Structures are given as C-alpha cells and as structure tokens.
C-alpha cells in the first residue's frame, strides 16, 4: 500500500477500487477434470444442480479401459442457473460461471419522519 506522511506520521493510503454493482457479481466454481478433454465432458443443469459427466475410453472395444467420473455441484439460490457457462482451461480445470441474481427483500419499506420532506 502506498504510504504518505500526515503531520510527521506515516499514513497508509487506501487505493479506491472501482465500484462493482451487484449485477456484475459472478459465482465461480472450478473442478479438476484431469486427463479428460473438452469433447469427453458433458455438463447439464438439473433440479438446481450442475452435473458434470466425463467418460474416457482407451483401447479397442474388446480390450479397452473405460474411466467414468461424475461430479454434482449444488447451485446457490442467488445464482441464475439459466445463464450458466462452462469452459475448460488448458491445465484440465473445468470452470463454471454464472451471474448472481439481485433480490430485494419484500419486507423492506421506506419510512418518512414526520416534519421532514
């Protein structure tokens, strides 16, 4: 942090971060997929959950090895599951992203003081 002097004493200056609105906030989740590539991984959303299904077959039909992995992730209530986006990083990590939904409390009310306009 930058330091400046205030009346002969050091003072730490806080760097102002740009304001982000609630609409810009995202939910992120990462999963190590390992040796699977993007074509071998399927992602679907079902009943408020993300299901990641990966299947890898090595060899031929007669003497091949098959590896199957499934991961289920609960989507938080404040996340828009309709706008879920998934992608693979080069290091084999599956990333899930979605925007959060801003919800106003239904019981919050604005009260005016008497005599104040």
N, C-alpha and C. Protein backbone atom coordinates (compact mmCIF):
# COMPACT_ATOMS: atom_id res chain seq x y z
N UNK A 1 0.84 -1.18 0.00
CA UNK A 1 0.00 0.00 0.00
C UNK A 1 0.88 1.24 0.00
N UNK A 2 0.46 2.25 -0.70
CA UNK A 2 1.23 3.48 -0.69
C UNK A 2 1.18 4.15 0.69
N UNK A 3 2.29 4.76 1.07
CA UNK A 3 2.38 5.44 2.36
C UNK A 3 2.67 6.91 2.11
N UNK A 4 1.96 7.77 2.81
CA UNK A 4 2.24 9.20 2.74
C UNK A 4 2.43 9.70 4.18
N UNK A 5 2.88 10.93 4.31
CA UNK A 5 3.15 11.48 5.63
C UNK A 5 2.08 12.49 5.97
N UNK A 6 1.53 12.36 7.18
CA UNK A 6 0.47 13.23 7.66
C UNK A 6 0.89 13.77 9.01
N UNK A 7 1.22 15.05 9.09
CA UNK A 7 1.69 15.70 10.30
C UNK A 7 2.88 14.95 10.91
N UNK A 8 3.83 14.54 10.06
CA UNK A 8 5.03 13.90 10.53
C UNK A 8 4.89 12.43 10.84
N UNK A 9 3.69 11.86 10.66
CA UNK A 9 3.47 10.44 10.93
C UNK A 9 3.08 9.74 9.62
N UNK A 10 3.57 8.53 9.43
CA UNK A 10 3.17 7.82 8.21
C UNK A 10 1.68 7.48 8.24
N UNK A 11 1.06 7.60 7.10
CA UNK A 11 -0.37 7.31 6.97
C UNK A 11 -0.54 6.40 5.75
N UNK A 12 -1.21 5.31 5.91
CA UNK A 12 -1.45 4.39 4.80
C UNK A 12 -2.63 4.90 3.99
N UNK A 13 -2.42 5.01 2.70
CA UNK A 13 -3.50 5.45 1.82
C UNK A 13 -4.19 4.22 1.24
N UNK A 14 -5.46 4.21 1.30
CA UNK A 14 -6.23 3.12 0.72
C UNK A 14 -6.48 3.44 -0.76
N UNK A 15 -6.21 2.48 -1.59
CA UNK A 15 -6.46 2.67 -3.02
C UNK A 15 -7.93 2.39 -3.27
N UNK A 16 -8.59 3.33 -3.89
CA UNK A 16 -10.01 3.15 -4.20
C UNK A 16 -10.17 2.13 -5.31
N UNK A 17 -10.95 1.12 -5.02
CA UNK A 17 -11.25 0.12 -6.03
C UNK A 17 -12.48 0.58 -6.80
N UNK A 18 -12.54 0.22 -8.07
CA UNK A 18 -13.74 0.61 -8.83
C UNK A 18 -14.98 -0.05 -8.24
N UNK A 19 -16.04 0.68 -8.21
CA UNK A 19 -17.29 0.16 -7.68
C UNK A 19 -17.85 -0.89 -8.64
N UNK A 20 -18.28 -2.00 -8.10
CA UNK A 20 -18.93 -3.01 -8.91
C UNK A 20 -20.36 -3.13 -8.41
N UNK A 21 -21.26 -3.18 -9.33
CA UNK A 21 -22.66 -3.30 -8.95
C UNK A 21 -22.96 -4.75 -8.61
N UNK A 22 -24.06 -4.98 -7.94
CA UNK A 22 -24.46 -6.34 -7.59
C UNK A 22 -24.73 -7.17 -8.84
N UNK A 23 -25.14 -6.51 -9.92
CA UNK A 23 -25.44 -7.23 -11.16
C UNK A 23 -24.18 -7.79 -11.82
N UNK A 24 -23.01 -7.24 -11.49
CA UNK A 24 -21.76 -7.70 -12.10
C UNK A 24 -21.12 -8.85 -11.34
N UNK A 25 -21.67 -9.23 -10.22
CA UNK A 25 -21.06 -10.29 -9.42
C UNK A 25 -21.33 -11.65 -10.05
N UNK A 26 -20.33 -12.53 -9.94
CA UNK A 26 -20.44 -13.85 -10.54
C UNK A 26 -20.18 -14.93 -9.50
N UNK A 27 -20.77 -16.09 -9.74
CA UNK A 27 -20.49 -17.30 -8.98
C UNK A 27 -19.51 -18.11 -9.80
N UNK A 28 -18.41 -18.51 -9.22
CA UNK A 28 -17.39 -19.30 -9.91
C UNK A 28 -17.19 -20.60 -9.16
N UNK A 29 -16.97 -21.66 -9.92
CA UNK A 29 -16.67 -22.97 -9.34
C UNK A 29 -15.70 -23.67 -10.27
N UNK A 30 -14.67 -24.29 -9.72
CA UNK A 30 -13.69 -24.99 -10.55
C UNK A 30 -13.57 -26.43 -10.11
N UNK A 31 -13.38 -27.32 -11.09
CA UNK A 31 -13.25 -28.75 -10.84
C UNK A 31 -12.06 -29.26 -11.64
N UNK A 32 -11.16 -30.00 -10.99
CA UNK A 32 -10.06 -30.64 -11.71
C UNK A 32 -10.61 -31.84 -12.46
N UNK A 33 -10.51 -31.82 -13.78
CA UNK A 33 -11.03 -32.91 -14.60
C UNK A 33 -9.95 -33.97 -14.83
N UNK A 34 -8.70 -33.55 -14.90
CA UNK A 34 -7.60 -34.50 -15.09
C UNK A 34 -7.31 -34.76 -16.55
N UNK A 35 -7.32 -36.03 -16.94
CA UNK A 35 -6.91 -36.43 -18.29
C UNK A 35 -8.04 -36.32 -19.32
N UNK A 36 -9.18 -35.84 -18.96
CA UNK A 36 -10.29 -35.72 -19.90
C UNK A 36 -10.13 -34.44 -20.72
N UNK A 37 -10.49 -34.50 -21.98
CA UNK A 37 -10.51 -33.28 -22.78
C UNK A 37 -11.94 -32.77 -22.91
N UNK A 38 -12.13 -31.62 -23.52
CA UNK A 38 -13.43 -30.97 -23.57
C UNK A 38 -14.49 -31.81 -24.29
N UNK A 39 -14.10 -32.59 -25.28
CA UNK A 39 -15.06 -33.40 -26.02
C UNK A 39 -15.59 -34.57 -25.19
N UNK A 40 -14.88 -34.96 -24.17
CA UNK A 40 -15.27 -36.11 -23.34
C UNK A 40 -16.07 -35.71 -22.11
N UNK A 41 -16.31 -34.42 -21.93
CA UNK A 41 -17.00 -33.93 -20.74
C UNK A 41 -18.35 -33.33 -21.15
N UNK A 42 -19.39 -33.71 -20.42
CA UNK A 42 -20.74 -33.17 -20.65
C UNK A 42 -21.19 -32.49 -19.37
N UNK A 43 -21.83 -31.34 -19.51
CA UNK A 43 -22.32 -30.57 -18.37
C UNK A 43 -23.81 -30.32 -18.58
N UNK A 44 -24.61 -30.61 -17.56
CA UNK A 44 -26.04 -30.30 -17.65
C UNK A 44 -26.54 -29.78 -16.31
N UNK A 45 -27.60 -28.97 -16.38
CA UNK A 45 -28.22 -28.39 -15.19
C UNK A 45 -29.56 -29.08 -14.99
N UNK A 46 -29.77 -29.54 -13.76
CA UNK A 46 -30.99 -30.31 -13.47
C UNK A 46 -31.35 -30.15 -12.01
N UNK A 47 -32.55 -29.70 -11.73
CA UNK A 47 -33.06 -29.55 -10.35
C UNK A 47 -32.15 -28.72 -9.45
N UNK A 48 -31.64 -27.62 -9.94
CA UNK A 48 -30.80 -26.74 -9.13
C UNK A 48 -29.39 -27.27 -8.90
N UNK A 49 -28.98 -28.23 -9.70
CA UNK A 49 -27.64 -28.81 -9.58
C UNK A 49 -26.97 -28.85 -10.95
N UNK A 50 -25.65 -28.75 -10.94
CA UNK A 50 -24.85 -28.93 -12.15
C UNK A 50 -24.29 -30.33 -12.08
N UNK A 51 -24.49 -31.11 -13.13
CA UNK A 51 -23.95 -32.47 -13.19
C UNK A 51 -22.87 -32.49 -14.27
N UNK A 52 -21.65 -32.82 -13.86
CA UNK A 52 -20.51 -32.91 -14.77
C UNK A 52 -20.23 -34.40 -14.97
N UNK A 53 -20.32 -34.85 -16.22
CA UNK A 53 -20.13 -36.26 -16.55
C UNK A 53 -18.97 -36.36 -17.53
N UNK A 54 -17.96 -37.15 -17.20
CA UNK A 54 -16.80 -37.32 -18.06
C UNK A 54 -16.57 -38.81 -18.30
N UNK A 55 -16.32 -39.17 -19.57
CA UNK A 55 -16.09 -40.57 -19.93
C UNK A 55 -14.93 -40.66 -20.90
N UNK A 56 -14.00 -41.54 -20.59
CA UNK A 56 -12.79 -41.73 -21.40
C UNK A 56 -12.61 -43.22 -21.66
N UNK A 57 -12.45 -43.60 -22.94
CA UNK A 57 -12.21 -45.00 -23.30
C UNK A 57 -10.86 -45.09 -23.99
N UNK A 58 -10.04 -46.00 -23.49
CA UNK A 58 -8.70 -46.20 -24.05
C UNK A 58 -8.61 -47.63 -24.60
N UNK A 59 -8.16 -47.78 -25.81
CA UNK A 59 -8.03 -49.09 -26.41
C UNK A 59 -9.20 -49.38 -27.35
N UNK A 60 -9.41 -50.65 -27.68
CA UNK A 60 -10.50 -51.02 -28.59
C UNK A 60 -11.71 -51.51 -27.80
N UNK A 61 -12.75 -51.92 -28.52
CA UNK A 61 -13.99 -52.34 -27.87
C UNK A 61 -13.81 -53.63 -27.06
N UNK A 62 -12.90 -54.48 -27.50
CA UNK A 62 -12.74 -55.78 -26.85
C UNK A 62 -11.89 -55.71 -25.58
N UNK A 63 -10.78 -54.98 -25.64
CA UNK A 63 -9.84 -54.93 -24.52
C UNK A 63 -9.57 -53.49 -24.05
N UNK A 64 -10.55 -52.66 -24.04
CA UNK A 64 -10.35 -51.26 -23.67
C UNK A 64 -10.65 -50.98 -22.21
N UNK A 65 -10.04 -49.94 -21.71
CA UNK A 65 -10.33 -49.45 -20.36
C UNK A 65 -11.24 -48.24 -20.48
N UNK A 66 -12.24 -48.18 -19.63
CA UNK A 66 -13.15 -47.05 -19.61
C UNK A 66 -13.11 -46.41 -18.23
N UNK A 67 -12.95 -45.11 -18.21
CA UNK A 67 -12.94 -44.34 -16.97
C UNK A 67 -14.12 -43.38 -17.02
N UNK A 68 -14.96 -43.42 -16.01
CA UNK A 68 -16.14 -42.55 -15.93
C UNK A 68 -16.09 -41.81 -14.60
N UNK A 69 -16.29 -40.51 -14.66
CA UNK A 69 -16.34 -39.69 -13.44
C UNK A 69 -17.57 -38.78 -13.51
N UNK A 70 -18.22 -38.64 -12.37
CA UNK A 70 -19.39 -37.77 -12.26
C UNK A 70 -19.21 -36.88 -11.05
N UNK A 71 -19.51 -35.62 -11.21
CA UNK A 71 -19.44 -34.66 -10.11
C UNK A 71 -20.74 -33.86 -10.13
N UNK A 72 -21.39 -33.75 -8.98
CA UNK A 72 -22.62 -32.98 -8.84
C UNK A 72 -22.34 -31.79 -7.94
N UNK A 73 -22.74 -30.61 -8.39
CA UNK A 73 -22.50 -29.37 -7.67
C UNK A 73 -23.83 -28.67 -7.44
N UNK A 74 -24.14 -28.33 -6.20
CA UNK A 74 -25.36 -27.60 -5.87
C UNK A 74 -25.19 -26.14 -6.27
N UNK A 75 -26.15 -25.60 -7.02
CA UNK A 75 -26.11 -24.20 -7.43
C UNK A 75 -26.74 -23.37 -6.31
N UNK A 76 -26.06 -22.33 -5.83
CA UNK A 76 -26.65 -21.49 -4.78
C UNK A 76 -27.95 -20.83 -5.25
N UNK A 77 -28.81 -20.48 -4.30
CA UNK A 77 -30.12 -19.91 -4.63
C UNK A 77 -30.03 -18.58 -5.37
N UNK A 78 -28.98 -17.81 -5.09
CA UNK A 78 -28.88 -16.48 -5.70
C UNK A 78 -28.17 -16.49 -7.05
N UNK A 79 -28.03 -17.66 -7.68
CA UNK A 79 -27.35 -17.78 -8.97
C UNK A 79 -28.36 -18.11 -10.05
N UNK A 80 -28.24 -17.43 -11.19
CA UNK A 80 -29.12 -17.65 -12.33
C UNK A 80 -28.64 -18.88 -13.09
N UNK A 81 -29.28 -20.02 -12.86
CA UNK A 81 -28.85 -21.28 -13.49
C UNK A 81 -29.12 -21.30 -14.99
N UNK A 82 -30.01 -20.43 -15.46
CA UNK A 82 -30.31 -20.35 -16.90
C UNK A 82 -29.12 -19.78 -17.67
N UNK A 83 -28.27 -19.02 -17.02
CA UNK A 83 -27.14 -18.36 -17.68
C UNK A 83 -25.80 -18.99 -17.30
N UNK A 84 -25.81 -20.25 -16.93
CA UNK A 84 -24.58 -20.94 -16.54
C UNK A 84 -23.68 -21.14 -17.75
N UNK A 85 -22.40 -20.88 -17.56
CA UNK A 85 -21.41 -21.02 -18.63
C UNK A 85 -20.28 -21.91 -18.11
N UNK A 86 -19.87 -22.88 -18.94
CA UNK A 86 -18.77 -23.75 -18.54
C UNK A 86 -17.71 -23.77 -19.63
N UNK A 87 -16.44 -23.89 -19.20
CA UNK A 87 -15.34 -23.97 -20.16
C UNK A 87 -14.17 -24.67 -19.50
N UNK A 88 -13.28 -25.20 -20.36
CA UNK A 88 -12.09 -25.91 -19.89
C UNK A 88 -10.87 -25.01 -20.01
N UNK A 89 -10.04 -25.03 -18.97
CA UNK A 89 -8.75 -24.35 -19.02
C UNK A 89 -7.71 -25.32 -19.59
N UNK A 90 -6.59 -24.81 -20.10
CA UNK A 90 -5.56 -25.70 -20.65
C UNK A 90 -4.98 -26.68 -19.64
N UNK A 91 -5.04 -26.36 -18.34
CA UNK A 91 -4.47 -27.26 -17.32
C UNK A 91 -5.43 -28.37 -16.90
N UNK A 92 -6.58 -28.49 -17.56
CA UNK A 92 -7.53 -29.56 -17.25
C UNK A 92 -8.54 -29.20 -16.18
N UNK A 93 -8.74 -27.93 -15.93
CA UNK A 93 -9.71 -27.48 -14.94
C UNK A 93 -10.99 -27.06 -15.64
N UNK A 94 -12.12 -27.59 -15.19
CA UNK A 94 -13.42 -27.21 -15.70
C UNK A 94 -13.92 -26.04 -14.86
N UNK A 95 -14.26 -24.94 -15.52
CA UNK A 95 -14.74 -23.75 -14.82
C UNK A 95 -16.24 -23.59 -15.07
N UNK A 96 -16.98 -23.29 -14.02
CA UNK A 96 -18.40 -22.98 -14.10
C UNK A 96 -18.58 -21.54 -13.66
N UNK A 97 -19.33 -20.77 -14.43
CA UNK A 97 -19.60 -19.37 -14.08
C UNK A 97 -21.06 -19.06 -14.34
N UNK A 98 -21.61 -18.22 -13.49
CA UNK A 98 -22.97 -17.72 -13.67
C UNK A 98 -23.11 -16.43 -12.90
N UNK A 99 -23.98 -15.57 -13.38
CA UNK A 99 -24.23 -14.30 -12.67
C UNK A 99 -25.13 -14.55 -11.47
N UNK A 100 -24.91 -13.76 -10.45
CA UNK A 100 -25.78 -13.83 -9.29
C UNK A 100 -27.01 -12.98 -9.54
N UNK A 101 -28.10 -13.34 -8.90
CA UNK A 101 -29.36 -12.63 -9.05
C UNK A 101 -29.53 -11.72 -7.86
N UNK A 102 -29.79 -10.45 -8.12
CA UNK A 102 -30.02 -9.48 -7.04
C UNK A 102 -31.47 -9.58 -6.62
N UNK A 103 -31.69 -9.79 -5.34
CA UNK A 103 -33.04 -9.89 -4.83
C UNK A 103 -33.26 -8.83 -3.78
N UNK A 104 -34.34 -8.10 -3.92
CA UNK A 104 -34.72 -7.11 -2.92
C UNK A 104 -35.59 -7.80 -1.89
N UNK A 105 -35.43 -7.45 -0.66
CA UNK A 105 -36.27 -8.01 0.38
C UNK A 105 -37.67 -7.47 0.24
N UNK A 106 -38.64 -8.35 0.29
CA UNK A 106 -40.02 -7.91 0.10
C UNK A 106 -40.57 -7.19 1.33
N UNK A 107 -39.96 -7.42 2.49
CA UNK A 107 -40.47 -6.80 3.70
C UNK A 107 -39.79 -5.46 4.01
N UNK A 108 -38.86 -5.01 3.17
CA UNK A 108 -38.20 -3.73 3.44
C UNK A 108 -39.09 -2.59 2.96
N UNK A 109 -39.26 -1.60 3.82
CA UNK A 109 -40.12 -0.45 3.50
C UNK A 109 -39.35 0.82 3.80
N UNK A 110 -39.75 1.88 3.16
CA UNK A 110 -39.15 3.19 3.37
C UNK A 110 -40.09 4.02 4.23
N UNK A 111 -39.60 4.49 5.35
CA UNK A 111 -40.41 5.29 6.26
C UNK A 111 -39.91 6.73 6.23
N UNK A 112 -40.84 7.67 6.27
CA UNK A 112 -40.50 9.09 6.32
C UNK A 112 -40.75 9.59 7.74
N UNK A 113 -39.82 10.44 8.22
CA UNK A 113 -40.02 11.05 9.52
C UNK A 113 -41.03 12.17 9.41
N UNK A 114 -41.76 12.39 10.44
CA UNK A 114 -42.76 13.47 10.44
C UNK A 114 -42.03 14.80 10.43
N UNK A 115 -42.51 15.72 9.61
CA UNK A 115 -41.94 17.04 9.54
C UNK A 115 -40.76 17.13 8.59
N UNK A 116 -40.34 16.04 7.97
CA UNK A 116 -39.23 16.05 7.02
C UNK A 116 -39.79 15.75 5.64
N UNK A 117 -39.49 16.58 4.67
CA UNK A 117 -39.98 16.36 3.30
C UNK A 117 -39.05 15.53 2.50
